[in-house]
């Protein structure tokens, strides 16, 4: 069986941390000098775009989670 990418859980994790999309964007820039707009974060959350590995790792470090928690992986 293969794993397929399921639902993006970024919004749920971000909201559990009490952080807005803009606050996440600001912290990514302040800590790692990664410039990702709140609009792009919204696209990640809706599954319209996917962050590259560097951005994904930085998001996890800011949110205090691991990359495997960002998506619900399904078995095909």
Protein backbone atom coordinates (compact mmCIF):
# COMPACT_ATOMS: atom_id res chain seq x y z
CA UNK A 1 0.00 0.00 0.00
CA UNK A 2 1.18 3.49 -0.83
CA UNK A 3 0.71 6.59 1.28
CA UNK A 4 -1.09 9.49 -0.32
CA UNK A 5 -1.26 13.06 0.87
CA UNK A 6 -4.51 13.75 2.65
CA UNK A 7 -5.86 16.85 4.33
CA UNK A 8 -3.52 19.66 5.33
CA UNK A 9 -3.68 20.20 9.11
CA UNK A 10 -1.66 23.42 9.21
CA UNK A 11 -4.69 25.60 9.99
CA UNK A 12 -5.71 23.42 12.94
CA UNK A 13 -2.19 23.39 14.39
CA UNK A 14 -1.75 27.14 13.88
CA UNK A 15 -5.10 27.94 15.50
CA UNK A 16 -4.34 25.62 18.45
CA UNK A 17 -1.23 27.71 19.03
CA UNK A 18 -3.41 30.86 18.98
CA UNK A 19 -1.58 32.29 15.99
CA UNK A 20 -2.98 34.15 12.98
CA UNK A 21 -1.65 33.62 9.47
CA UNK A 22 0.01 37.03 9.68
CA UNK A 23 1.66 36.18 13.00
CA UNK A 24 3.03 32.95 11.53
CA UNK A 25 4.33 34.89 8.54
CA UNK A 26 5.98 37.47 10.83
CA UNK A 27 7.62 34.79 13.01
CA UNK A 28 8.96 32.92 9.98
CA UNK A 29 10.68 36.10 8.87
CA UNK A 30 11.89 37.16 12.32
CA UNK A 31 13.37 33.76 13.24
CA UNK A 32 14.53 32.42 9.87
CA UNK A 33 14.37 35.35 7.41
CA UNK A 34 11.87 33.35 5.35
CA UNK A 35 9.42 35.66 3.64
CA UNK A 36 6.09 33.85 3.22
CA UNK A 37 2.97 36.00 3.01
CA UNK A 38 -0.20 35.31 4.95
CA UNK A 39 -1.84 34.76 1.54
CA UNK A 40 0.63 31.97 0.76
CA UNK A 41 0.05 30.41 4.18
CA UNK A 42 -3.66 30.41 3.35
CA UNK A 43 -2.88 28.58 0.09
CA UNK A 44 -0.86 25.99 2.03
CA UNK A 45 -3.74 25.51 4.46
CA UNK A 46 -6.26 25.03 1.64
CA UNK A 47 -4.02 22.58 -0.22
CA UNK A 48 -3.62 24.88 -3.23
CA UNK A 49 0.18 25.06 -2.79
CA UNK A 50 2.73 23.01 -0.90
CA UNK A 51 5.69 24.46 1.00
CA UNK A 52 9.16 23.37 -0.01
CA UNK A 53 11.07 21.32 2.59
CA UNK A 54 12.90 24.33 4.04
CA UNK A 55 9.68 26.31 4.55
CA UNK A 56 7.88 23.24 5.90
CA UNK A 57 10.64 22.69 8.48
CA UNK A 58 10.61 26.37 9.51
CA UNK A 59 6.81 26.33 9.91
CA UNK A 60 7.11 23.29 12.16
CA UNK A 61 9.83 24.89 14.27
CA UNK A 62 7.71 28.03 14.75
CA UNK A 63 4.59 26.00 15.59
CA UNK A 64 6.40 23.43 17.75
CA UNK A 65 5.30 20.41 15.74
CA UNK A 66 6.87 17.83 13.43
CA UNK A 67 6.41 17.68 9.68
CA UNK A 68 4.38 14.47 9.79
CA UNK A 69 1.72 16.37 11.77
CA UNK A 70 1.13 18.90 8.96
CA UNK A 71 -0.78 16.44 6.79
CA UNK A 72 -3.15 13.58 7.29
CA UNK A 73 -1.57 10.79 5.25
CA UNK A 74 -3.87 8.12 3.86
CA UNK A 75 -3.21 4.62 2.63
CA UNK A 76 -4.15 4.04 -0.99
